[in-house]
N, C-alpha and C. Protein backbone atom coordinates (compact mmCIF):
# COMPACT_ATOMS: atom_id res chain seq x y z
N MET A 1 0.43 -1.30 0.17
CA MET A 1 -0.41 -0.18 -0.22
C MET A 1 0.90 1.09 -0.27
N TRP A 2 2.17 1.58 1.10
CA TRP A 2 2.87 2.63 1.05
C TRP A 2 3.71 3.09 -0.36
N THR A 3 3.49 1.81 -0.96
CA THR A 3 4.26 2.10 -2.91
C THR A 3 2.85 2.80 -3.52
N TYR A 4 2.01 2.26 -3.45
CA TYR A 4 0.74 3.47 -4.18
C TYR A 4 0.87 5.08 -3.74
N VAL A 5 1.13 5.03 -2.33
CA VAL A 5 0.70 6.18 -1.54
C VAL A 5 1.97 7.28 -1.69
N ALA A 6 3.53 6.53 -2.16
CA ALA A 6 3.89 7.09 -2.70
C ALA A 6 4.85 7.08 -3.78
N ALA A 7 3.65 6.40 -4.49
CA ALA A 7 3.33 6.64 -5.95
C ALA A 7 2.50 8.00 -6.18
N VAL A 8 1.34 7.91 -5.87
CA VAL A 8 0.45 9.19 -6.01
C VAL A 8 1.01 10.13 -5.65
N MET A 9 1.62 10.65 -4.06
CA MET A 9 2.56 11.60 -3.47
C MET A 9 3.08 12.09 -4.25
N GLY A 10 4.28 11.26 -4.99
CA GLY A 10 5.18 12.25 -5.82
C GLY A 10 4.73 12.61 -6.70
N SER A 11 4.19 11.97 -7.57
CA SER A 11 3.62 12.46 -8.96
C SER A 11 2.98 13.77 -8.59
N LEU A 12 1.82 14.21 -7.53
CA LEU A 12 1.01 15.00 -7.11
C LEU A 12 1.89 16.46 -6.94
N ALA A 13 3.37 15.76 -6.32
CA ALA A 13 4.36 16.77 -5.97
C ALA A 13 5.47 17.25 -7.28
N ILE A 14 5.41 16.65 -8.37
CA ILE A 14 5.77 16.97 -9.70
C ILE A 14 4.74 17.82 -10.63
N PHE A 15 3.96 17.45 -10.49
CA PHE A 15 2.69 18.14 -11.04
C PHE A 15 2.04 19.27 -10.51
N LEU A 16 2.58 19.39 -9.02
CA LEU A 16 2.42 20.69 -8.28
C LEU A 16 3.43 21.52 -8.43
N GLY A 17 4.70 21.27 -8.68
CA GLY A 17 5.65 21.70 -8.66
C GLY A 17 5.93 22.42 -10.22
N ALA A 18 5.58 21.92 -11.19
CA ALA A 18 5.50 22.10 -12.85
C ALA A 18 4.70 23.60 -12.54
N PHE A 19 3.01 23.15 -11.47
CA PHE A 19 1.93 24.28 -11.83
C PHE A 19 2.83 25.00 -11.45
N GLY A 20 3.12 25.34 -10.21
CA GLY A 20 3.58 26.64 -9.50
C GLY A 20 4.80 27.08 -10.63
N ALA A 21 5.71 26.48 -11.10
CA ALA A 21 6.47 27.11 -11.95
C ALA A 21 6.45 27.69 -13.20
N HIS A 22 5.28 27.11 -13.75
CA HIS A 22 4.90 27.85 -14.92
C HIS A 22 3.18 28.53 -15.16
N GLY A 23 2.36 27.82 -13.92
CA GLY A 23 1.24 28.50 -13.68
C GLY A 23 1.06 29.67 -12.85
N LEU A 24 2.34 29.70 -12.33
CA LEU A 24 1.90 30.52 -10.87
C LEU A 24 2.86 31.94 -11.29
N ARG A 25 3.73 31.48 -11.91
CA ARG A 25 4.78 32.48 -11.95
C ARG A 25 4.77 34.00 -12.32
N ASP A 26 3.28 34.21 -13.25
CA ASP A 26 3.48 35.62 -13.60
C ASP A 26 1.87 36.05 -12.78
N LYS A 27 1.34 35.23 -11.49
CA LYS A 27 0.17 35.37 -11.31
C LYS A 27 0.04 35.27 -9.38
N VAL A 28 1.09 35.37 -8.82
CA VAL A 28 1.26 35.28 -7.47
C VAL A 28 3.00 35.71 -7.38
N THR A 29 2.82 36.68 -6.18
CA THR A 29 4.24 37.40 -6.19
C THR A 29 5.26 36.49 -5.81
N PRO A 30 6.98 36.94 -5.89
CA PRO A 30 7.79 36.00 -5.85
C PRO A 30 7.56 35.43 -4.48
N GLU A 31 6.92 35.95 -3.28
CA GLU A 31 7.31 35.36 -2.07
C GLU A 31 6.44 34.39 -1.83
N ARG A 32 4.99 35.38 -2.28
CA ARG A 32 3.99 33.38 -2.73
C ARG A 32 4.68 31.88 -3.83
N LEU A 33 5.34 32.79 -4.61
CA LEU A 33 5.58 31.14 -5.33
C LEU A 33 7.10 30.79 -4.22
N ALA A 34 7.56 31.59 -3.72
CA ALA A 34 9.02 30.81 -3.23
C ALA A 34 8.19 29.93 -1.89
N ASN A 35 7.04 30.64 -1.43
CA ASN A 35 5.81 29.61 -0.48
C ASN A 35 5.72 28.36 -1.14
N TRP A 36 5.42 28.70 -2.44
CA TRP A 36 4.78 26.70 -3.07
C TRP A 36 6.00 26.15 -3.51
N ASN A 37 7.16 26.88 -3.95
CA ASN A 37 8.42 25.80 -4.23
C ASN A 37 8.65 25.00 -2.94
N THR A 38 8.67 25.74 -1.53
CA THR A 38 9.04 25.26 -0.42
C THR A 38 8.03 24.34 0.09
N ALA A 39 6.35 24.04 -0.42
CA ALA A 39 5.76 22.91 -0.08
C ALA A 39 5.51 21.98 -0.82
N ALA A 40 6.38 22.10 -2.30
CA ALA A 40 6.48 21.11 -3.42
C ALA A 40 7.78 20.58 -3.11
N SER A 41 8.60 20.95 -2.41
CA SER A 41 9.70 20.71 -2.03
C SER A 41 9.51 19.40 -0.99
N TYR A 42 9.36 19.82 0.01
CA TYR A 42 9.02 18.76 1.56
C TYR A 42 8.02 18.14 0.75
N HIS A 43 6.96 18.05 -0.05
CA HIS A 43 6.26 17.46 -0.29
C HIS A 43 6.99 16.35 -1.24
N LEU A 44 7.64 16.23 -1.96
CA LEU A 44 8.27 15.39 -3.20
C LEU A 44 9.56 14.68 -1.88
N MET A 45 10.24 15.35 -0.96
CA MET A 45 11.49 14.96 -0.05
C MET A 45 10.10 13.57 0.61
N HIS A 46 9.04 14.03 1.26
CA HIS A 46 8.46 13.11 1.78
C HIS A 46 7.89 11.93 1.23
N ALA A 47 7.74 12.21 -0.11
CA ALA A 47 6.94 10.91 -1.00
C ALA A 47 8.19 10.12 -1.28
N LEU A 48 9.53 10.58 -0.98
CA LEU A 48 10.62 9.66 -1.61
C LEU A 48 10.95 8.99 -0.25
N ALA A 49 10.74 9.58 1.38
CA ALA A 49 11.01 9.12 2.13
C ALA A 49 9.63 7.53 2.35
N ILE A 50 8.24 8.12 2.10
CA ILE A 50 7.60 7.04 2.42
C ILE A 50 7.80 6.07 1.47
N LEU A 51 8.12 6.33 0.09
CA LEU A 51 8.97 5.44 -0.89
C LEU A 51 9.74 4.09 0.22
N ALA A 52 11.37 5.00 0.43
CA ALA A 52 11.54 4.49 1.05
C ALA A 52 11.43 3.07 2.35
N LEU A 53 10.71 3.92 2.81
CA LEU A 53 9.52 3.15 3.96
C LEU A 53 8.98 1.83 3.42
N ALA A 54 8.34 1.69 2.51
CA ALA A 54 7.68 0.57 1.63
C ALA A 54 9.04 -0.57 0.81
N LEU A 55 10.19 0.25 0.38
CA LEU A 55 10.78 -0.71 0.95
C LEU A 55 11.40 -1.66 1.61
N PHE A 56 11.65 -0.58 2.44
CA PHE A 56 12.12 -1.01 3.70
C PHE A 56 10.86 -2.18 4.08
N ALA A 57 9.67 -1.61 4.03
CA ALA A 57 8.90 -2.61 4.67
C ALA A 57 8.60 -4.41 4.03
N LYS A 58 8.80 -4.07 2.79
CA LYS A 58 8.80 -4.98 1.51
C LYS A 58 10.23 -6.31 2.09
N ALA A 59 11.18 -5.74 2.72
CA ALA A 59 12.47 -6.32 2.58
C ALA A 59 12.92 -6.71 3.97
N THR A 60 11.84 -5.80 4.78
CA THR A 60 12.15 -7.04 5.93
C THR A 60 10.73 -7.26 6.79
N GLY A 61 9.98 -7.21 6.34
CA GLY A 61 8.61 -7.17 6.75
C GLY A 61 7.89 -6.85 8.26
N ARG A 62 8.69 -6.06 8.42
CA ARG A 62 8.48 -5.32 9.77
C ARG A 62 7.36 -3.72 9.04
N SER A 63 6.41 -3.46 9.50
CA SER A 63 5.30 -2.28 9.69
C SER A 63 6.15 -0.83 9.63
N VAL A 64 5.46 -0.77 8.48
CA VAL A 64 6.03 1.43 8.49
C VAL A 64 5.30 2.09 9.04
N THR A 65 4.00 1.98 9.08
CA THR A 65 2.78 2.43 9.03
C THR A 65 2.72 3.79 9.63
N LEU A 66 3.53 3.82 11.00
CA LEU A 66 3.45 4.92 12.07
C LEU A 66 4.19 5.48 11.01
N PRO A 67 5.34 5.48 10.86
CA PRO A 67 6.10 6.71 9.90
C PRO A 67 5.45 7.24 9.22
N ALA A 68 5.00 6.03 8.14
CA ALA A 68 4.69 6.29 6.46
C ALA A 68 3.49 7.21 6.67
N SER A 69 2.12 6.88 7.81
CA SER A 69 1.09 7.60 8.18
C SER A 69 1.40 9.35 8.57
N LEU A 70 2.32 9.50 9.50
CA LEU A 70 2.83 10.48 9.72
C LEU A 70 3.62 11.69 8.66
N PHE A 71 4.17 11.00 8.09
CA PHE A 71 4.70 11.86 6.67
C PHE A 71 3.61 12.21 5.83
N SER A 72 2.66 11.53 5.50
CA SER A 72 1.77 11.25 4.58
C SER A 72 0.88 12.54 4.92
N ALA A 73 0.22 12.72 6.27
CA ALA A 73 -0.67 13.19 7.11
C ALA A 73 0.39 14.73 6.93
N GLY A 74 1.54 14.86 7.28
CA GLY A 74 2.50 16.05 7.39
C GLY A 74 2.35 16.68 5.94
N ILE A 75 2.39 15.75 4.89
CA ILE A 75 2.40 16.20 3.54
C ILE A 75 1.08 17.23 3.46
N ILE A 76 0.06 16.47 3.60
CA ILE A 76 -1.05 16.88 3.38
C ILE A 76 -1.65 18.31 4.24
N PHE A 77 -1.28 18.30 5.63
CA PHE A 77 -1.36 19.40 6.37
C PHE A 77 0.02 21.03 6.17
N PHE A 78 0.94 20.11 6.11
CA PHE A 78 2.35 21.19 5.55
C PHE A 78 1.94 21.33 4.26
N SER A 79 2.25 20.94 3.15
CA SER A 79 2.29 21.69 2.19
C SER A 79 0.69 21.86 0.98
N GLY A 80 -0.18 21.02 2.01
CA GLY A 80 -1.32 21.34 0.96
C GLY A 80 -2.09 22.87 1.89
N SER A 81 -1.07 23.26 2.97
CA SER A 81 -1.87 24.44 3.55
C SER A 81 -1.31 25.59 3.05
N ILE A 82 0.15 25.41 2.64
CA ILE A 82 0.63 25.96 2.03
C ILE A 82 0.32 26.30 0.43
N TYR A 83 -0.33 25.36 0.02
CA TYR A 83 -0.52 25.20 -1.48
C TYR A 83 -1.69 26.00 -1.72
N LEU A 84 -2.88 25.91 -0.44
CA LEU A 84 -4.19 26.55 -0.78
C LEU A 84 -4.39 28.29 -0.06
N LEU A 85 -3.60 28.02 0.98
CA LEU A 85 -2.72 29.55 1.27
C LEU A 85 -2.57 30.45 0.12
N VAL A 86 -1.06 30.24 -0.95
CA VAL A 86 -1.08 31.09 -2.06
C VAL A 86 -2.10 30.95 -3.21
N LEU A 87 -3.00 30.02 -3.13
CA LEU A 87 -3.97 30.00 -4.27
C LEU A 87 -4.93 30.89 -4.24
N THR A 88 -5.35 30.59 -2.51
CA THR A 88 -6.69 31.62 -2.15
C THR A 88 -6.31 32.85 -1.20
N GLY A 89 -4.78 33.18 -0.44
CA GLY A 89 -4.95 34.28 0.26
C GLY A 89 -5.73 33.85 1.37
N GLN A 90 -6.23 32.91 1.91
CA GLN A 90 -6.89 32.76 3.02
C GLN A 90 -5.89 32.83 4.54
N LYS A 91 -5.85 33.53 4.73
CA LYS A 91 -4.81 33.59 6.60
C LYS A 91 -5.35 32.81 7.52
N TRP A 92 -6.10 32.06 7.55
CA TRP A 92 -6.53 31.28 8.64
C TRP A 92 -6.06 30.14 8.46
N LEU A 93 -5.61 29.81 6.98
CA LEU A 93 -5.07 28.54 6.74
C LEU A 93 -3.28 28.25 7.09
N GLY A 94 -2.95 29.72 7.77
CA GLY A 94 -1.46 29.57 7.75
C GLY A 94 -0.69 28.56 9.49
N PRO A 95 -2.36 28.91 10.35
CA PRO A 95 -1.61 28.01 11.40
C PRO A 95 -1.67 26.44 11.80
N ILE A 96 -1.73 26.37 10.64
CA ILE A 96 -2.25 24.69 9.81
C ILE A 96 -0.88 24.08 9.45
N THR A 97 -0.30 25.17 8.73
CA THR A 97 1.47 24.94 8.55
C THR A 97 1.92 24.00 9.24
N PRO A 98 2.22 24.91 10.60
CA PRO A 98 3.05 24.10 11.57
C PRO A 98 2.82 22.89 12.27
N LEU A 99 1.40 22.68 12.26
CA LEU A 99 1.22 21.24 12.19
C LEU A 99 1.20 19.98 11.58
N GLY A 100 1.48 20.74 9.82
CA GLY A 100 2.20 19.57 9.39
C GLY A 100 3.55 19.41 9.36
N GLY A 101 4.16 20.28 9.60
CA GLY A 101 5.80 20.29 9.90
C GLY A 101 6.07 19.49 11.46
N LEU A 102 5.05 19.64 12.32
CA LEU A 102 5.27 18.83 13.58
C LEU A 102 4.78 17.33 13.37
N LEU A 103 4.18 16.55 11.97
CA LEU A 103 3.74 15.74 12.01
C LEU A 103 4.90 15.37 10.90
N MET A 104 5.28 15.75 9.77
CA MET A 104 6.86 15.15 9.64
C MET A 104 7.98 15.11 10.67
N ALA A 105 7.80 15.66 11.33
CA ALA A 105 8.36 15.88 12.54
C ALA A 105 8.89 14.62 12.90
N ALA A 106 7.45 14.43 13.32
CA ALA A 106 7.27 12.90 14.07
C ALA A 106 7.10 12.03 13.70
N GLY A 107 7.14 11.79 12.49
CA GLY A 107 7.55 11.07 11.45
C GLY A 107 9.03 10.07 11.44
N TRP A 108 9.64 11.54 11.33
CA TRP A 108 11.10 11.19 11.48
C TRP A 108 11.63 10.78 12.58
N LEU A 109 10.95 11.00 14.09
CA LEU A 109 11.52 10.91 15.36
C LEU A 109 11.04 8.87 15.03
N SER A 110 10.14 9.12 14.72
CA SER A 110 9.42 7.42 14.94
C SER A 110 10.38 6.43 13.97
N LEU A 111 11.18 7.23 13.01
CA LEU A 111 12.28 6.08 13.07
C LEU A 111 12.72 5.34 13.65
N ILE A 112 13.18 6.21 14.51
CA ILE A 112 14.07 5.30 16.18
C ILE A 112 13.41 4.03 16.63
N ALA A 113 12.25 4.09 16.77
CA ALA A 113 11.50 2.71 16.35
C ALA A 113 12.02 1.55 15.93
N LEU A 114 11.96 2.11 14.47
CA LEU A 114 12.26 1.15 13.65
C LEU A 114 14.22 0.97 13.52
N ALA A 115 14.79 1.77 13.84
CA ALA A 115 16.29 1.33 14.17
C ALA A 115 16.30 0.44 15.41
N ARG A 116 15.65 0.22 16.14
CA ARG A 116 15.68 -0.37 17.73
C ARG A 116 15.15 -1.67 17.22
N GLY A 117 14.22 -2.22 15.83
CA GLY A 117 14.29 -3.20 15.72
C GLY A 117 13.03 -3.84 16.47
């Protein structure tokens, strides 16, 4: 399942990154475009982390549900809120972004349990 999640998340990161570079370049401020690029970068990095976890699970038979779920939720809350903020300008989305960052950080910290066996 996590390979599929990684595939969808990775392809979305590419599509959204390209949309930002080509579709938003002349429509939003440089600051908002930089925010979009940050969202796309974190989105792609964590899609790759989910892929690595999927490969790890396949090779070892161990569960990666916790870190992969945290990374997935982090992508949705962190990158998703930034994408929406850039597109809509709705300031109320701003407080959601740090929650996504915390979820991503928690995903990385949850790898400690995998390392311990």
